[in-house]
Amino acid sequence: MGAFPIVDQGKEVIGGYSNNEKCLCKVNGPVIIFGDHTKVLKFIDFDFCLGADGTKVLKVIDGIDAKYIFYALQRVRIPNAGYSRHFRFLKEAKLPLPPLPEQKRIAAILDQATELVRLMQDALVKLDVLGRAIFHSTFGDPFTNHMSFCKQRILDFGDVTTGNTPSRKEPKYYGNDIEWVNSNNLNDSDPFVGEASEYLSTVGASKARIAPKNSVLVTCIAGSRESIGNVAMTDRDVAFNQQINSLSLPSEHMCIFIYGQLRFHKELVRAQSRGGMKGIVNKTRFSEVLLLSPPEDLIKDYANKWAHLHQMRKNTEQSLNKSKALRASLINQCFT
């Protein structure tokens, strides 16, 4: 980790760090960053190193509030030109310019709305940290197993199945009857598998592998090792492709426990990966992964705590969405 933050055109405010002081941009007052390719806008009020080509640095002239312009630019409709240059559209935009005191008043209102969004986002991060802490306080670290629980292979917990792809040569296999999920539907933002973009017909489902409710789906084939071990639970029956191995479990509380163990310790599966730069964990290696197998009363207690935490997360996500909607509405009102 370097001493100086790197600001680029990615979504994150800081894209990395550098020790190269020669590339340091020392700001005299705030600047606005615009991603020429990504259209991302950032308000920066600290010294930084400029990221890759395509990162535009905009300095607001004296007598105009920089934060006001930052919010005003978010109201500009910029055509999507793909991974092309977008600054040519932004520089032609006309912005309303009220007197400076009004600019500052508007910026202050939108700052408060932005802060509300940030607080909700921070709360989600802290809930995830709390979830990890609850698992560790109950079961410890699966690698060291300092609580000396028994261990079992994944295949000893339930039925392991590898997904498949019904033949593309048969259009009748694809339709609207059952979701056919892939690794893109397994991510850390949701404990349950996301909605698939593709569905199978009833005939296609008979040729597919189906994961019933209370299964854990795990990405075991991916373009990189880092994507191996992504995990989600099923709250409905879904079909799934060959990138994924499924573990069907006998109860909801066992499903939550296995999900937590794999979610917070992805290296349990990643350690079995073969295939060089790409990640591959075949069914046999996946089935042999050893997991903690504590007493059932501990598992049930953990599942109950997880359920309460999950409800808190859902409530916070709803508040976050409402905060974002409020912020967007205020920006629209202020610059219409």
Protein backbone atom coordinates (compact mmCIF):
# COMPACT_ATOMS: atom_id res chain seq x y z
CA MET A 1 0.00 0.00 0.00
CA GLY A 2 1.41 3.36 -1.04
CA ALA A 3 1.37 6.75 0.64
CA PHE A 4 -0.67 8.62 -1.97
CA PRO A 5 -4.25 7.82 -3.05
CA ILE A 6 -4.89 7.15 -6.74
CA VAL A 7 -8.07 8.63 -8.18
CA ASP A 8 -9.20 7.15 -11.48
CA GLN A 9 -12.45 6.81 -13.40
CA GLY A 10 -13.63 3.70 -11.54
CA LYS A 11 -16.64 3.64 -9.24
CA GLU A 12 -14.66 3.74 -6.01
CA VAL A 13 -13.46 7.13 -4.80
CA ILE A 14 -9.92 5.79 -4.39
CA GLY A 15 -8.70 3.27 -6.94
CA GLY A 16 -5.47 2.35 -5.17
CA TYR A 17 -2.30 3.86 -3.71
CA SER A 18 1.12 4.87 -5.01
CA ASN A 19 4.48 5.88 -3.57
CA ASN A 20 5.40 7.90 -6.67
CA GLU A 21 5.41 11.48 -5.42
CA LYS A 22 6.18 12.75 -8.94
CA CYS A 23 2.68 11.85 -10.06
CA LEU A 24 1.01 13.64 -7.13
CA CYS A 25 -1.60 16.27 -8.05
CA LYS A 26 -1.68 18.89 -5.31
CA VAL A 27 -5.10 20.50 -5.29
CA ASN A 28 -5.65 24.10 -4.30
CA GLY A 29 -9.32 23.77 -3.47
CA PRO A 30 -11.70 20.98 -4.54
CA VAL A 31 -11.79 19.50 -8.05
CA ILE A 32 -14.29 17.35 -9.91
CA ILE A 33 -13.19 14.11 -11.53
CA PHE A 34 -15.00 12.90 -14.64
CA GLY A 35 -14.47 9.46 -16.16
CA ASP A 36 -14.27 10.04 -19.88
CA HIS A 37 -15.07 6.38 -20.54
CA THR A 38 -17.19 5.53 -17.49
CA LYS A 39 -19.06 8.85 -16.94
CA VAL A 40 -18.30 8.55 -13.21
CA LEU A 41 -18.23 11.84 -11.28
CA LYS A 42 -16.22 12.35 -8.07
CA PHE A 43 -15.72 15.33 -5.75
CA ILE A 44 -12.09 15.39 -4.57
CA ASP A 45 -10.67 17.77 -1.98
CA PHE A 46 -7.33 16.07 -1.22
CA ASP A 47 -4.00 15.60 -3.01
CA PHE A 48 -3.99 12.52 -5.26
CA CYS A 49 -2.24 10.66 -8.06
CA LEU A 50 -4.13 10.67 -11.32
CA GLY A 51 -5.26 7.27 -12.57
CA ALA A 52 -5.30 5.90 -16.10
CA ASP A 53 -5.92 7.78 -19.31
CA GLY A 54 -9.48 9.08 -19.55
CA THR A 55 -9.63 10.65 -16.08
CA LYS A 56 -10.57 14.31 -16.50
CA VAL A 57 -9.85 16.82 -13.73
CA LEU A 58 -12.21 19.81 -13.67
CA LYS A 59 -11.39 22.94 -11.69
CA VAL A 60 -14.29 25.32 -11.01
CA ILE A 61 -13.52 29.01 -11.50
CA ASP A 62 -13.57 31.47 -8.61
CA GLY A 63 -16.96 32.77 -7.56
CA ILE A 64 -18.77 29.46 -8.24
CA ASP A 65 -19.36 26.76 -5.63
CA ALA A 66 -17.58 23.54 -6.68
CA LYS A 67 -19.95 21.25 -4.77
CA TYR A 68 -22.94 22.89 -6.49
CA ILE A 69 -21.38 22.21 -9.91
CA PHE A 70 -20.63 18.63 -8.86
CA TYR A 71 -24.31 18.03 -8.14
CA ALA A 72 -25.46 19.95 -11.20
CA LEU A 73 -23.32 17.75 -13.46
CA GLN A 74 -25.09 14.68 -12.08
CA ARG A 75 -28.28 16.01 -13.62
CA VAL A 76 -26.74 16.17 -17.11
CA ARG A 77 -27.97 13.47 -19.47
CA ILE A 78 -24.95 12.03 -21.25
CA PRO A 79 -25.50 9.54 -24.11
CA ASN A 80 -23.97 6.13 -23.62
CA ALA A 81 -21.18 5.84 -26.18
CA GLY A 82 -19.81 2.58 -24.78
CA TYR A 83 -16.12 2.59 -23.87
CA SER A 84 -15.65 5.79 -25.83
CA ARG A 85 -15.09 9.43 -24.92
CA HIS A 86 -17.98 11.18 -23.16
CA PHE A 87 -16.40 14.47 -22.13
CA ARG A 88 -17.38 15.95 -25.49
CA PHE A 89 -21.01 15.70 -24.36
CA LEU A 90 -20.40 16.96 -20.84
CA LYS A 91 -18.54 20.11 -21.88
CA GLU A 92 -21.50 21.19 -24.02
CA ALA A 93 -23.95 20.99 -21.12
CA LYS A 94 -25.59 24.20 -19.88
CA LEU A 95 -26.04 24.45 -16.12
CA PRO A 96 -28.31 26.78 -14.14
CA LEU A 97 -26.22 29.29 -12.20
CA PRO A 98 -28.06 31.09 -9.39
CA PRO A 99 -26.29 33.56 -7.09
CA LEU A 100 -23.48 32.09 -4.97
CA PRO A 101 -25.49 32.02 -1.69
CA GLU A 102 -28.20 29.98 -3.43
CA GLN A 103 -25.57 27.64 -4.87
CA LYS A 104 -24.23 27.02 -1.37
CA ARG A 105 -27.73 26.47 0.02
CA ILE A 106 -28.55 23.88 -2.65
CA ALA A 107 -25.19 22.14 -2.18
CA ALA A 108 -25.76 21.96 1.60
CA ILE A 109 -29.17 20.31 1.14
CA LEU A 110 -27.77 17.75 -1.28
CA ASP A 111 -24.80 17.13 1.02
CA GLN A 112 -27.26 16.09 3.73
CA ALA A 113 -29.07 13.74 1.36
CA THR A 114 -25.73 12.27 0.23
CA GLU A 115 -24.67 11.79 3.84
CA LEU A 116 -27.88 9.86 4.52
CA VAL A 117 -27.05 7.51 1.63
CA ARG A 118 -23.52 7.06 2.96
CA LEU A 119 -24.79 6.21 6.44
CA MET A 120 -27.07 3.51 5.04
CA GLN A 121 -24.20 2.09 2.96
CA ASP A 122 -21.93 2.06 6.01
CA ALA A 123 -24.64 0.31 8.01
CA LEU A 124 -24.77 -2.50 5.44
CA VAL A 125 -21.00 -2.95 5.68
CA LYS A 126 -21.18 -3.08 9.47
CA LEU A 127 -24.00 -5.63 9.35
CA ASP A 128 -21.81 -7.85 7.17
CA VAL A 129 -18.95 -7.49 9.66
CA LEU A 130 -21.36 -8.34 12.48
CA GLY A 131 -22.53 -11.44 10.63
CA ARG A 132 -18.97 -12.65 10.28
CA ALA A 133 -18.32 -11.93 13.97
CA ILE A 134 -21.41 -13.90 15.05
CA PHE A 135 -20.25 -16.91 13.05
CA HIS A 136 -16.73 -16.78 14.49
CA SER A 137 -17.91 -16.28 18.07
CA THR A 138 -20.16 -19.34 17.74
CA PHE A 139 -17.98 -21.72 15.74
CA GLY A 140 -14.49 -20.21 15.52
CA ASP A 141 -12.23 -20.49 12.49
CA PRO A 142 -12.81 -23.63 10.36
CA PHE A 143 -9.13 -23.74 9.45
CA THR A 144 -7.76 -23.80 12.98
CA ASN A 145 -10.87 -25.32 14.63
CA HIS A 146 -9.74 -24.14 18.05
CA MET A 147 -13.14 -25.13 19.46
CA SER A 148 -12.40 -28.74 18.47
CA PHE A 149 -15.65 -29.47 16.64
CA CYS A 150 -16.03 -32.61 14.57
CA LYS A 151 -15.47 -32.21 10.83
CA GLN A 152 -17.31 -33.77 7.92
CA ARG A 153 -16.90 -33.80 4.18
CA ILE A 154 -19.34 -31.68 2.20
CA LEU A 155 -20.85 -34.84 0.72
CA ASP A 156 -21.70 -36.04 4.26
CA PHE A 157 -24.02 -33.05 4.81
CA GLY A 158 -26.25 -33.64 1.79
CA ASP A 159 -26.48 -34.40 -1.92
CA VAL A 160 -23.86 -32.84 -4.21
CA THR A 161 -24.81 -32.13 -7.83
CA THR A 162 -22.99 -30.43 -10.71
CA GLY A 163 -25.12 -28.32 -13.02
CA ASN A 164 -25.43 -28.65 -16.77
CA THR A 165 -26.62 -26.91 -19.92
CA PRO A 166 -29.52 -28.44 -21.82
CA SER A 167 -28.72 -28.63 -25.54
CA ARG A 168 -28.89 -25.27 -27.30
CA LYS A 169 -29.82 -27.15 -30.45
CA GLU A 170 -33.24 -27.83 -28.93
CA PRO A 171 -35.19 -24.53 -28.65
CA LYS A 172 -37.97 -26.40 -26.85
CA TYR A 173 -35.69 -26.74 -23.81
CA TYR A 174 -35.78 -22.99 -23.18
CA GLY A 175 -38.83 -21.05 -22.09
CA ASN A 176 -40.37 -19.44 -19.01
CA ASP A 177 -40.98 -22.23 -16.51
CA ILE A 178 -37.91 -22.48 -14.25
CA GLU A 179 -34.89 -20.22 -13.72
CA TRP A 180 -31.55 -21.41 -15.09
CA VAL A 181 -28.89 -19.67 -13.03
CA ASN A 182 -25.17 -19.20 -13.59
CA SER A 183 -22.26 -17.89 -11.54
CA ASN A 184 -23.33 -14.27 -12.13
CA ASN A 185 -26.32 -14.95 -9.89
CA LEU A 186 -24.09 -15.82 -6.92
CA ASN A 187 -22.58 -12.79 -5.19
CA ASP A 188 -21.92 -11.36 -1.74
CA SER A 189 -24.59 -8.65 -1.98
CA ASP A 190 -27.41 -11.17 -1.44
CA PRO A 191 -27.37 -14.44 0.52
CA PHE A 192 -29.95 -15.88 -1.87
CA VAL A 193 -29.36 -16.68 -5.52
CA GLY A 194 -30.26 -13.74 -7.76
CA GLU A 195 -32.93 -13.95 -10.44
CA ALA A 196 -31.70 -15.63 -13.60
CA SER A 197 -31.77 -13.87 -16.95
CA GLU A 198 -32.64 -17.13 -18.70
CA TYR A 199 -35.36 -19.70 -18.06
CA LEU A 200 -35.97 -23.27 -19.13
CA SER A 201 -39.20 -24.87 -20.27
CA THR A 202 -40.75 -27.80 -18.43
CA VAL A 203 -39.19 -30.08 -21.04
CA GLY A 204 -35.83 -28.37 -20.56
CA ALA A 205 -36.08 -28.74 -16.81
CA SER A 206 -36.32 -32.50 -17.25
CA LYS A 207 -32.91 -32.38 -18.94
CA ALA A 208 -31.38 -30.03 -16.34
CA ARG A 209 -30.09 -30.36 -12.81
CA ILE A 210 -32.44 -28.84 -10.25
CA ALA A 211 -31.41 -27.44 -6.87
CA PRO A 212 -34.37 -27.51 -4.47
CA LYS A 213 -35.07 -24.91 -1.81
CA ASN A 214 -32.52 -25.03 1.07
CA SER A 215 -29.59 -25.80 -1.20
CA VAL A 216 -26.25 -24.03 -1.24
CA LEU A 217 -24.87 -23.16 -4.68
CA VAL A 218 -21.11 -22.65 -5.06
CA THR A 219 -19.17 -21.36 -8.07
CA CYS A 220 -16.59 -24.03 -8.89
CA ILE A 221 -15.59 -23.09 -12.46
CA ALA A 222 -14.65 -19.49 -13.24
CA GLY A 223 -12.35 -17.33 -15.33
CA SER A 224 -10.21 -16.57 -12.28
CA ARG A 225 -9.46 -18.15 -8.92
CA GLU A 226 -10.95 -15.13 -7.12
CA SER A 227 -14.43 -15.99 -8.38
CA ILE A 228 -14.21 -19.55 -7.10
CA GLY A 229 -16.18 -20.08 -3.89
CA ASN A 230 -18.88 -17.48 -4.49
CA VAL A 231 -21.92 -18.86 -2.74
CA ALA A 232 -25.67 -18.38 -2.37
CA MET A 233 -28.65 -20.19 -0.88
CA THR A 234 -31.80 -21.16 -2.75
CA ASP A 235 -35.17 -19.99 -1.46
CA ARG A 236 -36.89 -21.67 -4.43
CA ASP A 237 -36.21 -24.46 -6.93
CA VAL A 238 -33.73 -23.42 -9.66
CA ALA A 239 -31.85 -25.09 -12.48
CA PHE A 240 -28.15 -24.26 -12.75
CA ASN A 241 -25.25 -24.60 -15.16
CA GLN A 242 -21.99 -26.52 -15.01
CA GLN A 243 -20.06 -23.67 -13.38
CA ILE A 244 -21.86 -24.48 -10.15
CA ASN A 245 -21.95 -27.32 -7.66
CA SER A 246 -25.04 -27.64 -5.48
CA LEU A 247 -25.32 -29.04 -1.96
CA SER A 248 -28.93 -29.94 -1.10
CA LEU A 249 -29.52 -29.85 2.65
CA PRO A 250 -32.19 -31.34 4.93
CA SER A 251 -33.22 -28.15 6.76
CA GLU A 252 -33.20 -24.38 6.58
CA HIS A 253 -30.97 -23.96 9.64
CA MET A 254 -28.38 -26.35 8.20
CA CYS A 255 -28.50 -24.45 4.91
CA ILE A 256 -27.83 -21.15 6.73
CA PHE A 257 -24.94 -22.71 8.68
CA ILE A 258 -23.22 -24.17 5.60
CA TYR A 259 -23.77 -20.93 3.70
CA GLY A 260 -22.15 -18.92 6.51
CA GLN A 261 -19.17 -21.25 6.74
CA LEU A 262 -18.50 -21.09 2.99
CA ARG A 263 -19.39 -17.40 2.64
CA PHE A 264 -16.93 -16.26 5.28
CA HIS A 265 -14.22 -18.79 4.40
CA LYS A 266 -14.10 -19.02 0.60
CA GLU A 267 -10.57 -20.39 0.77
CA LEU A 268 -12.07 -23.72 1.91
CA VAL A 269 -13.20 -24.24 -1.69
CA ARG A 270 -10.57 -22.13 -3.45
CA ALA A 271 -7.80 -24.25 -1.97
CA GLN A 272 -9.10 -27.14 -4.08
CA SER A 273 -8.92 -25.13 -7.31
CA ARG A 274 -6.90 -26.41 -10.24
CA GLY A 275 -6.48 -25.00 -13.73
CA GLY A 276 -3.74 -22.38 -13.47
CA MET A 277 -4.99 -18.81 -13.99
CA LYS A 278 -8.57 -20.08 -14.26
CA GLY A 279 -10.39 -21.67 -11.38
CA ILE A 280 -11.71 -25.23 -11.51
CA VAL A 281 -12.95 -27.33 -8.59
CA ASN A 282 -14.49 -30.54 -9.86
CA LYS A 283 -17.31 -32.36 -8.09
CA THR A 284 -14.99 -34.89 -6.44
CA ARG A 285 -12.68 -32.28 -4.93
CA PHE A 286 -15.63 -30.13 -3.87
CA SER A 287 -17.33 -33.09 -2.19
CA GLU A 288 -14.21 -33.85 -0.14
CA VAL A 289 -13.88 -30.35 1.38
CA LEU A 290 -13.93 -30.65 5.18
CA LEU A 291 -16.35 -28.42 7.10
CA LEU A 292 -17.06 -27.92 10.78
CA SER A 293 -19.90 -30.11 12.08
CA PRO A 294 -20.91 -28.69 15.48
CA PRO A 295 -23.89 -29.79 17.62
CA GLU A 296 -27.29 -29.07 16.09
CA ASP A 297 -28.41 -26.81 18.94
CA LEU A 298 -25.53 -24.43 18.13
CA ILE A 299 -26.44 -24.52 14.45
CA LYS A 300 -30.08 -23.68 15.21
CA ASP A 301 -29.05 -20.85 17.54
CA TYR A 302 -26.77 -19.40 14.87
CA ALA A 303 -29.50 -19.70 12.21
CA ASN A 304 -31.94 -17.78 14.42
CA LYS A 305 -29.41 -14.98 14.92
CA TRP A 306 -28.66 -14.95 11.21
CA ALA A 307 -32.38 -14.63 10.40
CA HIS A 308 -32.70 -11.56 12.68
CA LEU A 309 -29.59 -10.04 11.12
CA HIS A 310 -30.87 -10.74 7.61
CA GLN A 311 -34.14 -8.95 8.40
CA MET A 312 -32.14 -5.97 9.66
CA ARG A 313 -30.18 -6.00 6.42
CA LYS A 314 -33.36 -6.08 4.32
CA ASN A 315 -34.75 -3.13 6.28
CA THR A 316 -31.50 -1.21 5.84
CA GLU A 317 -31.45 -1.95 2.10
CA GLN A 318 -34.99 -0.58 1.83
CA SER A 319 -33.90 2.56 3.70
CA LEU A 320 -30.88 2.87 1.40
CA ASN A 321 -33.08 2.64 -1.70
CA LYS A 322 -35.43 5.28 -0.29
CA SER A 323 -32.45 7.52 0.54
CA LYS A 324 -31.11 7.18 -3.00
CA ALA A 325 -34.54 7.94 -4.43
CA LEU A 326 -34.85 11.03 -2.20
CA ARG A 327 -31.41 12.24 -3.25
CA ALA A 328 -32.21 11.75 -6.95
CA SER A 329 -35.52 13.57 -6.53
CA LEU A 330 -33.84 16.51 -4.80
CA ILE A 331 -31.18 16.76 -7.52
CA ASN A 332 -33.92 16.73 -10.12
CA GLN A 333 -35.87 19.47 -8.33
CA CYS A 334 -32.83 21.66 -7.73
CA PHE A 335 -31.64 21.66 -11.32
CA THR A 336 -34.85 21.54 -13.33
